[in-house]
Amino acid sequence: MKRVILAAAAAMLASSASASTPIVLSDDGLSSQVTYVDLDLHASTDRSKLKDRIRLAAKNLCLDGKNIYPLAVSPTRAECYRAAVASGIRQMNELATR
């Protein structure tokens, strides 16, 4: 029983260590880090939660809430958002395959 508990603790430690590096979204020197230490990237529900976090971080990074102009008027903001989300999803997928 003791060995099972030690093995489980070691596995949890290894998975938390690998999850300590956040996903980083960046644009023009600004960056946003998205943590996933509380998520299991092998579970589809947790990947969905991480995608929501990535979208929110990209929104905060690229889409200034004070800007009154729609994204159609400012395609660079829209492109920033799309690129940041794509980068975050790519990083998530790479981490999930480890």
PDB file of N, CA and C in Angstrom:
ATOM      1  N   MET A   1       0.823  -1.193   0.000  1.00  0.00           N
ATOM      2  CA  MET A   1       0.000   0.000   0.000  1.00  0.00           C
ATOM      3  C   MET A   1       0.862   1.250   0.000  1.00  0.00           C
ATOM      4  N   LYS A   2       1.940   1.197   0.780  1.00  0.00           N
ATOM      5  CA  LYS A   2       2.829   2.349   0.872  1.00  0.00           C
ATOM      6  C   LYS A   2       3.467   2.651  -0.483  1.00  0.00           C
ATOM      7  N   ARG A   3       3.835   1.610  -1.224  1.00  0.00           N
ATOM      8  CA  ARG A   3       4.449   1.796  -2.536  1.00  0.00           C
ATOM      9  C   ARG A   3       3.477   2.440  -3.516  1.00  0.00           C
ATOM     10  N   VAL A   4       2.210   2.041  -3.452  1.00  0.00           N
ATOM     11  CA  VAL A   4       1.199   2.615  -4.336  1.00  0.00           C
ATOM     12  C   VAL A   4       1.047   4.108  -4.056  1.00  0.00           C
ATOM     13  N   ILE A   5       1.011   4.462  -2.779  1.00  0.00           N
ATOM     14  CA  ILE A   5       0.876   5.876  -2.410  1.00  0.00           C
ATOM     15  C   ILE A   5       2.107   6.653  -2.867  1.00  0.00           C
ATOM     16  N   LEU A   6       3.294   6.098  -2.668  1.00  0.00           N
ATOM     17  CA  LEU A   6       4.511   6.775  -3.113  1.00  0.00           C
ATOM     18  C   LEU A   6       4.551   6.927  -4.630  1.00  0.00           C
ATOM     19  N   ALA A   7       4.128   5.891  -5.351  1.00  0.00           N
ATOM     20  CA  ALA A   7       4.097   5.974  -6.812  1.00  0.00           C
ATOM     21  C   ALA A   7       3.108   7.027  -7.279  1.00  0.00           C
ATOM     22  N   ALA A   8       1.937   7.079  -6.638  1.00  0.00           N
ATOM     23  CA  ALA A   8       0.937   8.082  -6.996  1.00  0.00           C
ATOM     24  C   ALA A   8       1.450   9.480  -6.690  1.00  0.00           C
ATOM     25  N   ALA A   9       2.112   9.645  -5.563  1.00  0.00           N
ATOM     26  CA  ALA A   9       2.662  10.961  -5.204  1.00  0.00           C
ATOM     27  C   ALA A   9       3.749  11.365  -6.198  1.00  0.00           C
ATOM     28  N   ALA A  10       4.594  10.424  -6.593  1.00  0.00           N
ATOM     29  CA  ALA A  10       5.646  10.731  -7.561  1.00  0.00           C
ATOM     30  C   ALA A  10       5.053  11.112  -8.912  1.00  0.00           C
ATOM     31  N   ALA A  11       4.010  10.428  -9.322  1.00  0.00           N
ATOM     32  CA  ALA A  11       3.354  10.752 -10.598  1.00  0.00           C
ATOM     33  C   ALA A  11       2.727  12.135 -10.548  1.00  0.00           C
ATOM     34  N   MET A  12       2.096  12.462  -9.419  1.00  0.00           N
ATOM     35  CA  MET A  12       1.487  13.783  -9.285  1.00  0.00           C
ATOM     36  C   MET A  12       2.555  14.870  -9.297  1.00  0.00           C
ATOM     37  N   LEU A  13       3.692  14.609  -8.636  1.00  0.00           N
ATOM     38  CA  LEU A  13       4.776  15.577  -8.605  1.00  0.00           C
ATOM     39  C   LEU A  13       5.333  15.778 -10.006  1.00  0.00           C
ATOM     40  N   ALA A  14       5.516  14.709 -10.740  1.00  0.00           N
ATOM     41  CA  ALA A  14       6.034  14.820 -12.104  1.00  0.00           C
ATOM     42  C   ALA A  14       5.072  15.577 -12.992  1.00  0.00           C
ATOM     43  N   SER A  15       3.771  15.321 -12.875  1.00  0.00           N
ATOM     44  CA  SER A  15       2.812  16.011 -13.731  1.00  0.00           C
ATOM     45  C   SER A  15       2.691  17.470 -13.345  1.00  0.00           C
ATOM     46  N   SER A  16       2.798  17.797 -12.054  1.00  0.00           N
ATOM     47  CA  SER A  16       2.714  19.199 -11.660  1.00  0.00           C
ATOM     48  C   SER A  16       3.979  19.948 -12.062  1.00  0.00           C
ATOM     49  N   ALA A  17       5.115  19.267 -12.060  1.00  0.00           N
ATOM     50  CA  ALA A  17       6.348  19.923 -12.490  1.00  0.00           C
ATOM     51  C   ALA A  17       6.290  20.249 -13.970  1.00  0.00           C
ATOM     52  N   SER A  18       5.758  19.338 -14.765  1.00  0.00           N
ATOM     53  CA  SER A  18       5.668  19.608 -16.202  1.00  0.00           C
ATOM     54  C   SER A  18       4.601  20.653 -16.498  1.00  0.00           C
ATOM     55  N   ALA A  19       3.636  20.797 -15.605  1.00  0.00           N
ATOM     56  CA  ALA A  19       2.572  21.771 -15.810  1.00  0.00           C
ATOM     57  C   ALA A  19       2.923  23.130 -15.225  1.00  0.00           C
ATOM     58  N   SER A  20       4.118  23.269 -14.681  1.00  0.00           N
ATOM     59  CA  SER A  20       4.475  24.537 -14.053  1.00  0.00           C
ATOM     60  C   SER A  20       4.855  25.600 -15.076  1.00  0.00           C
ATOM     61  N   THR A  21       5.187  25.208 -16.283  1.00  0.00           N
ATOM     62  CA  THR A  21       5.509  26.176 -17.320  1.00  0.00           C
ATOM     63  C   THR A  21       4.218  26.632 -17.973  1.00  0.00           C
ATOM     64  N   PRO A  22       3.878  27.918 -17.828  1.00  0.00           N
ATOM     65  CA  PRO A  22       2.602  28.383 -18.386  1.00  0.00           C
ATOM     66  C   PRO A  22       2.664  28.516 -19.900  1.00  0.00           C
ATOM     67  N   ILE A  23       1.506  28.538 -20.502  1.00  0.00           N
ATOM     68  CA  ILE A  23       1.390  28.861 -21.921  1.00  0.00           C
ATOM     69  C   ILE A  23       1.548  30.370 -22.033  1.00  0.00           C
ATOM     70  N   VAL A  24       2.361  30.824 -22.962  1.00  0.00           N
ATOM     71  CA  VAL A  24       2.636  32.253 -23.086  1.00  0.00           C
ATOM     72  C   VAL A  24       2.107  32.767 -24.417  1.00  0.00           C
ATOM     73  N   LEU A  25       1.292  33.803 -24.347  1.00  0.00           N
ATOM     74  CA  LEU A  25       0.792  34.501 -25.523  1.00  0.00           C
ATOM     75  C   LEU A  25       1.509  35.837 -25.563  1.00  0.00           C
ATOM     76  N   SER A  26       1.910  36.316 -26.742  1.00  0.00           N
ATOM     77  CA  SER A  26       2.617  37.594 -26.787  1.00  0.00           C
ATOM     78  C   SER A  26       2.265  38.378 -28.029  1.00  0.00           C
ATOM     79  N   ASP A  27       2.465  39.688 -27.911  1.00  0.00           N
ATOM     80  CA  ASP A  27       2.262  40.598 -29.035  1.00  0.00           C
ATOM     81  C   ASP A  27       2.994  41.893 -28.744  1.00  0.00           C
ATOM     82  N   ASP A  28       3.884  42.305 -29.632  1.00  0.00           N
ATOM     83  CA  ASP A  28       4.585  43.587 -29.524  1.00  0.00           C
ATOM     84  C   ASP A  28       5.203  43.825 -28.149  1.00  0.00           C
ATOM     85  N   GLY A  29       5.872  42.823 -27.615  1.00  0.00           N
ATOM     86  CA  GLY A  29       6.539  42.985 -26.341  1.00  0.00           C
ATOM     87  C   GLY A  29       5.653  42.758 -25.129  1.00  0.00           C
ATOM     88  N   LEU A  30       4.351  42.691 -25.305  1.00  0.00           N
ATOM     89  CA  LEU A  30       3.443  42.386 -24.207  1.00  0.00           C
ATOM     90  C   LEU A  30       3.226  40.881 -24.187  1.00  0.00           C
ATOM     91  N   SER A  31       2.993  40.346 -23.010  1.00  0.00           N
ATOM     92  CA  SER A  31       2.725  38.914 -22.952  1.00  0.00           C
ATOM     93  C   SER A  31       1.697  38.620 -21.882  1.00  0.00           C
ATOM     94  N   SER A  32       1.112  37.463 -22.005  1.00  0.00           N
ATOM     95  CA  SER A  32       0.129  36.987 -21.048  1.00  0.00           C
ATOM     96  C   SER A  32       0.412  35.505 -20.823  1.00  0.00           C
ATOM     97  N   GLN A  33       0.429  35.100 -19.579  1.00  0.00           N
ATOM     98  CA  GLN A  33       0.681  33.705 -19.248  1.00  0.00           C
ATOM     99  C   GLN A  33      -0.622  33.039 -18.821  1.00  0.00           C
ATOM    100  N   VAL A  34      -0.818  31.831 -19.312  1.00  0.00           N
ATOM    101  CA  VAL A  34      -2.018  31.064 -18.999  1.00  0.00           C
ATOM    102  C   VAL A  34      -1.581  29.814 -18.250  1.00  0.00           C
ATOM    103  N   THR A  35      -2.042  29.688 -17.018  1.00  0.00           N
ATOM    104  CA  THR A  35      -1.665  28.519 -16.226  1.00  0.00           C
ATOM    105  C   THR A  35      -2.679  27.390 -16.418  1.00  0.00           C
ATOM    106  N   TYR A  36      -2.190  26.187 -16.223  1.00  0.00           N
ATOM    107  CA  TYR A  36      -3.042  25.007 -16.382  1.00  0.00           C
ATOM    108  C   TYR A  36      -2.670  23.948 -15.357  1.00  0.00           C
ATOM    109  N   VAL A  37      -2.001  24.365 -14.294  1.00  0.00           N
ATOM    110  CA  VAL A  37      -1.526  23.420 -13.295  1.00  0.00           C
ATOM    111  C   VAL A  37      -2.672  22.624 -12.662  1.00  0.00           C
ATOM    112  N   ASP A  38      -3.858  23.189 -12.637  1.00  0.00           N
ATOM    113  CA  ASP A  38      -5.012  22.511 -12.042  1.00  0.00           C
ATOM    114  C   ASP A  38      -5.780  21.654 -13.041  1.00  0.00           C
ATOM    115  N   LEU A  39      -5.297  21.560 -14.267  1.00  0.00           N
ATOM    116  CA  LEU A  39      -6.032  20.848 -15.316  1.00  0.00           C
ATOM    117  C   LEU A  39      -5.296  19.587 -15.755  1.00  0.00           C
ATOM    118  N   ASP A  40      -6.050  18.604 -16.197  1.00  0.00           N
ATOM    119  CA  ASP A  40      -5.516  17.393 -16.806  1.00  0.00           C
ATOM    120  C   ASP A  40      -5.710  17.533 -18.311  1.00  0.00           C
ATOM    121  N   LEU A  41      -4.635  17.784 -19.027  1.00  0.00           N
ATOM    122  CA  LEU A  41      -4.740  18.044 -20.462  1.00  0.00           C
ATOM    123  C   LEU A  41      -5.086  16.806 -21.283  1.00  0.00           C
ATOM    124  N   HIS A  42      -5.180  15.665 -20.633  1.00  0.00           N
ATOM    125  CA  HIS A  42      -5.638  14.465 -21.328  1.00  0.00           C
ATOM    126  C   HIS A  42      -7.161  14.342 -21.287  1.00  0.00           C
ATOM    127  N   ALA A  43      -7.802  15.189 -20.493  1.00  0.00           N
ATOM    128  CA  ALA A  43      -9.271  15.181 -20.381  1.00  0.00           C
ATOM    129  C   ALA A  43      -9.846  16.280 -21.264  1.00  0.00           C
ATOM    130  N   SER A  44     -10.806  15.928 -22.098  1.00  0.00           N
ATOM    131  CA  SER A  44     -11.368  16.901 -23.042  1.00  0.00           C
ATOM    132  C   SER A  44     -12.046  18.074 -22.329  1.00  0.00           C
ATOM    133  N   THR A  45     -12.664  17.834 -21.187  1.00  0.00           N
ATOM    134  CA  THR A  45     -13.310  18.939 -20.461  1.00  0.00           C
ATOM    135  C   THR A  45     -12.274  19.932 -19.946  1.00  0.00           C
ATOM    136  N   ASP A  46     -11.132  19.438 -19.507  1.00  0.00           N
ATOM    137  CA  ASP A  46     -10.085  20.335 -19.030  1.00  0.00           C
ATOM    138  C   ASP A  46      -9.406  21.069 -20.188  1.00  0.00           C
ATOM    139  N   ARG A  47      -9.260  20.403 -21.328  1.00  0.00           N
ATOM    140  CA  ARG A  47      -8.731  21.115 -22.510  1.00  0.00           C
ATOM    141  C   ARG A  47      -9.678  22.226 -22.926  1.00  0.00           C
ATOM    142  N   SER A  48     -10.964  21.991 -22.810  1.00  0.00           N
ATOM    143  CA  SER A  48     -11.957  23.022 -23.122  1.00  0.00           C
ATOM    144  C   SER A  48     -11.822  24.205 -22.158  1.00  0.00           C
ATOM    145  N   LYS A  49     -11.604  23.918 -20.884  1.00  0.00           N
ATOM    146  CA  LYS A  49     -11.396  24.989 -19.904  1.00  0.00           C
ATOM    147  C   LYS A  49     -10.145  25.797 -20.251  1.00  0.00           C
ATOM    148  N   LEU A  50      -9.091  25.099 -20.660  1.00  0.00           N
ATOM    149  CA  LEU A  50      -7.862  25.789 -21.012  1.00  0.00           C
ATOM    150  C   LEU A  50      -8.054  26.650 -22.258  1.00  0.00           C
ATOM    151  N   LYS A  51      -8.814  26.155 -23.226  1.00  0.00           N
ATOM    152  CA  LYS A  51      -9.111  26.963 -24.412  1.00  0.00           C
ATOM    153  C   LYS A  51      -9.832  28.249 -24.021  1.00  0.00           C
ATOM    154  N   ASP A  52     -10.762  28.164 -23.073  1.00  0.00           N
ATOM    155  CA  ASP A  52     -11.453  29.364 -22.593  1.00  0.00           C
ATOM    156  C   ASP A  52     -10.474  30.331 -21.945  1.00  0.00           C
ATOM    157  N   ARG A  53      -9.542  29.806 -21.167  1.00  0.00           N
ATOM    158  CA  ARG A  53      -8.525  30.659 -20.535  1.00  0.00           C
ATOM    159  C   ARG A  53      -7.638  31.323 -21.587  1.00  0.00           C
ATOM    160  N   ILE A  54      -7.287  30.559 -22.622  1.00  0.00           N
ATOM    161  CA  ILE A  54      -6.450  31.098 -23.695  1.00  0.00           C
ATOM    162  C   ILE A  54      -7.185  32.227 -24.415  1.00  0.00           C
ATOM    163  N   ARG A  55      -8.449  32.007 -24.717  1.00  0.00           N
ATOM    164  CA  ARG A  55      -9.235  33.054 -25.398  1.00  0.00           C
ATOM    165  C   ARG A  55      -9.352  34.308 -24.545  1.00  0.00           C
ATOM    166  N   LEU A  56      -9.573  34.141 -23.249  1.00  0.00           N
ATOM    167  CA  LEU A  56      -9.672  35.287 -22.360  1.00  0.00           C
ATOM    168  C   LEU A  56      -8.343  36.040 -22.285  1.00  0.00           C
ATOM    169  N   ALA A  57      -7.247  35.311 -22.186  1.00  0.00           N
ATOM    170  CA  ALA A  57      -5.933  35.956 -22.141  1.00  0.00           C
ATOM    171  C   ALA A  57      -5.647  36.688 -23.449  1.00  0.00           C
ATOM    172  N   ALA A  58      -6.000  36.081 -24.575  1.00  0.00           N
ATOM    173  CA  ALA A  58      -5.805  36.729 -25.872  1.00  0.00           C
ATOM    174  C   ALA A  58      -6.670  37.979 -25.982  1.00  0.00           C
ATOM    175  N   LYS A  59      -7.875  37.906 -25.481  1.00  0.00           N
ATOM    176  CA  LYS A  59      -8.764  39.070 -25.493  1.00  0.00           C
ATOM    177  C   LYS A  59      -8.165  40.202 -24.671  1.00  0.00           C
ATOM    178  N   ASN A  60      -7.677  39.878 -23.476  1.00  0.00           N
ATOM    179  CA  ASN A  60      -7.078  40.898 -22.629  1.00  0.00           C
ATOM    180  C   ASN A  60      -5.803  41.469 -23.229  1.00  0.00           C
ATOM    181  N   LEU A  61      -5.064  40.642 -23.952  1.00  0.00           N
ATOM    182  CA  LEU A  61      -3.810  41.070 -24.565  1.00  0.00           C
ATOM    183  C   LEU A  61      -4.045  41.925 -25.807  1.00  0.00           C
ATOM    184  N   CYS A  62      -5.000  41.530 -26.620  1.00  0.00           N
ATOM    185  CA  CYS A  62      -5.142  42.129 -27.952  1.00  0.00           C
ATOM    186  C   CYS A  62      -6.322  43.083 -28.117  1.00  0.00           C
ATOM    187  N   LEU A  63      -7.366  42.870 -27.367  1.00  0.00           N
ATOM    188  CA  LEU A  63      -8.582  43.641 -27.589  1.00  0.00           C
ATOM    189  C   LEU A  63      -8.804  44.594 -26.430  1.00  0.00           C
ATOM    190  N   ASP A  64      -8.309  45.782 -26.562  1.00  0.00           N
ATOM    191  CA  ASP A  64      -8.452  46.794 -25.516  1.00  0.00           C
ATOM    192  C   ASP A  64      -9.917  47.152 -25.357  1.00  0.00           C
ATOM    193  N   GLY A  65     -10.467  46.919 -24.199  1.00  0.00           N
ATOM    194  CA  GLY A  65     -11.878  47.194 -23.947  1.00  0.00           C
ATOM    195  C   GLY A  65     -12.247  48.657 -24.064  1.00  0.00           C
ATOM    196  N   LYS A  66     -11.264  49.544 -23.983  1.00  0.00           N
ATOM    197  CA  LYS A  66     -11.523  50.979 -24.073  1.00  0.00           C
ATOM    198  C   LYS A  66     -11.652  51.445 -25.525  1.00  0.00           C
ATOM    199  N   ASN A  67     -11.234  50.610 -26.446  1.00  0.00           N
ATOM    200  CA  ASN A  67     -11.275  50.972 -27.852  1.00  0.00           C
ATOM    201  C   ASN A  67     -12.712  50.834 -28.355  1.00  0.00           C
ATOM    202  N   ILE A  68     -13.266  51.926 -28.848  1.00  0.00           N
ATOM    203  CA  ILE A  68     -14.672  51.927 -29.274  1.00  0.00           C
ATOM    204  C   ILE A  68     -14.866  51.448 -30.703  1.00  0.00           C
ATOM    205  N   TYR A  69     -13.777  51.260 -31.432  1.00  0.00           N
ATOM    206  CA  TYR A  69     -13.887  50.850 -32.828  1.00  0.00           C
ATOM    207  C   TYR A  69     -14.058  49.343 -32.943  1.00  0.00           C
ATOM    208  N   PRO A  70     -14.933  48.904 -33.826  1.00  0.00           N
ATOM    209  CA  PRO A  70     -15.110  47.453 -34.003  1.00  0.00           C
ATOM    210  C   PRO A  70     -13.869  46.827 -34.625  1.00  0.00           C
ATOM    211  N   LEU A  71     -13.753  45.523 -34.465  1.00  0.00           N
ATOM    212  CA  LEU A  71     -12.580  44.822 -34.996  1.00  0.00           C
ATOM    213  C   LEU A  71     -12.450  44.966 -36.500  1.00  0.00           C
ATOM    214  N   ALA A  72     -13.550  45.159 -37.206  1.00  0.00           N
ATOM    215  CA  ALA A  72     -13.493  45.320 -38.656  1.00  0.00           C
ATOM    216  C   ALA A  72     -12.696  46.563 -39.033  1.00  0.00           C
ATOM    217  N   VAL A  73     -12.698  47.567 -38.160  1.00  0.00           N
ATOM    218  CA  VAL A  73     -11.956  48.807 -38.420  1.00  0.00           C
ATOM    219  C   VAL A  73     -10.487  48.634 -38.057  1.00  0.00           C
ATOM    220  N   SER A  74     -10.196  47.733 -37.148  1.00  0.00           N
ATOM    221  CA  SER A  74      -8.828  47.518 -36.695  1.00  0.00           C
ATOM    222  C   SER A  74      -8.425  46.059 -36.885  1.00  0.00           C
ATOM    223  N   PRO A  75      -8.087  45.700 -38.113  1.00  0.00           N
ATOM    224  CA  PRO A  75      -7.762  44.295 -38.374  1.00  0.00           C
ATOM    225  C   PRO A  75      -6.519  43.819 -37.633  1.00  0.00           C
ATOM    226  N   THR A  76      -5.624  44.722 -37.249  1.00  0.00           N
ATOM    227  CA  THR A  76      -4.433  44.276 -36.528  1.00  0.00           C
ATOM    228  C   THR A  76      -4.802  43.720 -35.151  1.00  0.00           C
ATOM    229  N   ARG A  77      -5.797  44.300 -34.511  1.00  0.00           N
ATOM    230  CA  ARG A  77      -6.250  43.769 -33.220  1.00  0.00           C
ATOM    231  C   ARG A  77      -6.873  42.398 -33.408  1.00  0.00           C
ATOM    232  N   ALA A  78      -7.668  42.259 -34.449  1.00  0.00           N
ATOM    233  CA  ALA A  78      -8.304  40.965 -34.725  1.00  0.00           C
ATOM    234  C   ALA A  78      -7.253  39.918 -35.068  1.00  0.00           C
ATOM    235  N   GLU A  79      -6.253  40.302 -35.841  1.00  0.00           N
ATOM    236  CA  GLU A  79      -5.191  39.370 -36.207  1.00  0.00           C
ATOM    237  C   GLU A  79      -4.370  38.984 -34.979  1.00  0.00           C
ATOM    238  N   CYS A  80      -4.100  39.944 -34.107  1.00  0.00           N
ATOM    239  CA  CYS A  80      -3.395  39.671 -32.856  1.00  0.00           C
ATOM    240  C   CYS A  80      -4.157  38.614 -32.062  1.00  0.00           C
ATOM    241  N   TYR A  81      -5.459  38.790 -31.932  1.00  0.00           N
ATOM    242  CA  TYR A  81      -6.295  37.857 -31.176  1.00  0.00           C
ATOM    243  C   TYR A  81      -6.246  36.470 -31.805  1.00  0.00           C
ATOM    244  N   ARG A  82      -6.434  36.400 -33.123  1.00  0.00           N
ATOM    245  CA  ARG A  82      -6.415  35.103 -33.809  1.00  0.00           C
ATOM    246  C   ARG A  82      -5.060  34.414 -33.653  1.00  0.00           C
ATOM    247  N   ALA A  83      -3.977  35.183 -33.807  1.00  0.00           N
ATOM    248  CA  ALA A  83      -2.634  34.602 -33.691  1.00  0.00           C
ATOM    249  C   ALA A  83      -2.359  34.137 -32.260  1.00  0.00           C
ATOM    250  N   ALA A  84      -2.786  34.928 -31.277  1.00  0.00           N
ATOM    251  CA  ALA A  84      -2.560  34.563 -29.879  1.00  0.00           C
ATOM    252  C   ALA A  84      -3.329  33.296 -29.518  1.00  0.00           C
ATOM    253  N   VAL A  85      -4.575  33.204 -29.946  1.00  0.00           N
ATOM    254  CA  VAL A  85      -5.381  32.006 -29.664  1.00  0.00           C
ATOM    255  C   VAL A  85      -4.763  30.798 -30.368  1.00  0.00           C
ATOM    256  N   ALA A  86      -4.371  30.957 -31.621  1.00  0.00           N
ATOM    257  CA  ALA A  86      -3.773  29.841 -32.363  1.00  0.00           C
ATOM    258  C   ALA A  86      -2.484  29.375 -31.690  1.00  0.00           C
ATOM    259  N   SER A  87      -1.671  30.303 -31.227  1.00  0.00           N
ATOM    260  CA  SER A  87      -0.433  29.953 -30.547  1.00  0.00           C
ATOM    261  C   SER A  87      -0.723  29.215 -29.242  1.00  0.00           C
ATOM    262  N   GLY A  88      -1.678  29.707 -28.492  1.00  0.00           N
ATOM    263  CA  GLY A  88      -2.030  29.058 -27.235  1.00  0.00           C
ATOM    264  C   GLY A  88      -2.569  27.656 -27.432  1.00  0.00           C
ATOM    265  N   ILE A  89      -3.417  27.479 -28.428  1.00  0.00           N
ATOM    266  CA  ILE A  89      -3.990  26.154 -28.725  1.00  0.00           C
ATOM    267  C   ILE A  89      -2.885  25.202 -29.182  1.00  0.00           C
ATOM    268  N   ARG A  90      -1.969  25.713 -30.006  1.00  0.00           N
ATOM    269  CA  ARG A  90      -0.844  24.887 -30.467  1.00  0.00           C
ATOM    270  C   ARG A  90      -0.007  24.426 -29.270  1.00  0.00           C
ATOM    271  N   GLN A  91       0.291  25.350 -28.364  1.00  0.00           N
ATOM    272  CA  GLN A  91       1.068  24.992 -27.174  1.00  0.00           C
ATOM    273  C   GLN A  91       0.323  23.971 -26.317  1.00  0.00           C
ATOM    274  N   MET A  92      -0.978  24.157 -26.171  1.00  0.00           N
ATOM    275  CA  MET A  92      -1.789  23.224 -25.399  1.00  0.00           C
ATOM    276  C   MET A  92      -1.719  21.823 -26.022  1.00  0.00           C
ATOM    277  N   ASN A  93      -1.857  21.749 -27.338  1.00  0.00           N
ATOM    278  CA  ASN A  93      -1.834  20.455 -28.025  1.00  0.00           C
ATOM    279  C   ASN A  93      -0.471  19.778 -27.875  1.00  0.00           C
ATOM    280  N   GLU A  94       0.605  20.567 -27.931  1.00  0.00           N
ATOM    281  CA  GLU A  94       1.947  19.995 -27.734  1.00  0.00           C
ATOM    282  C   GLU A  94       2.081  19.434 -26.327  1.00  0.00           C
ATOM    283  N   LEU A  95       1.582  20.167 -25.343  1.00  0.00           N
ATOM    284  CA  LEU A  95       1.654  19.699 -23.957  1.00  0.00           C
ATOM    285  C   LEU A  95       0.801  18.460 -23.734  1.00  0.00           C
ATOM    286  N   ALA A  96      -0.329  18.385 -24.390  1.00  0.00           N
ATOM    287  CA  ALA A  96      -1.245  17.249 -24.201  1.00  0.00           C
ATOM    288  C   ALA A  96      -0.666  15.956 -24.763  1.00  0.00           C
ATOM    289  N   THR A  97       0.245  16.062 -25.721  1.00  0.00           N
ATOM    290  CA  THR A  97       0.810  14.854 -26.314  1.00  0.00           C
ATOM    291  C   THR A  97       2.031  14.333 -25.544  1.00  0.00           C
ATOM    292  N   ARG A  98       2.460  15.062 -24.549  1.00  0.00           N
ATOM    293  CA  ARG A  98       3.626  14.626 -23.753  1.00  0.00           C
ATOM    294  C   ARG A  98       3.252  13.529 -22.807  1.00  0.00           C
TER     295      ARG A  98
END
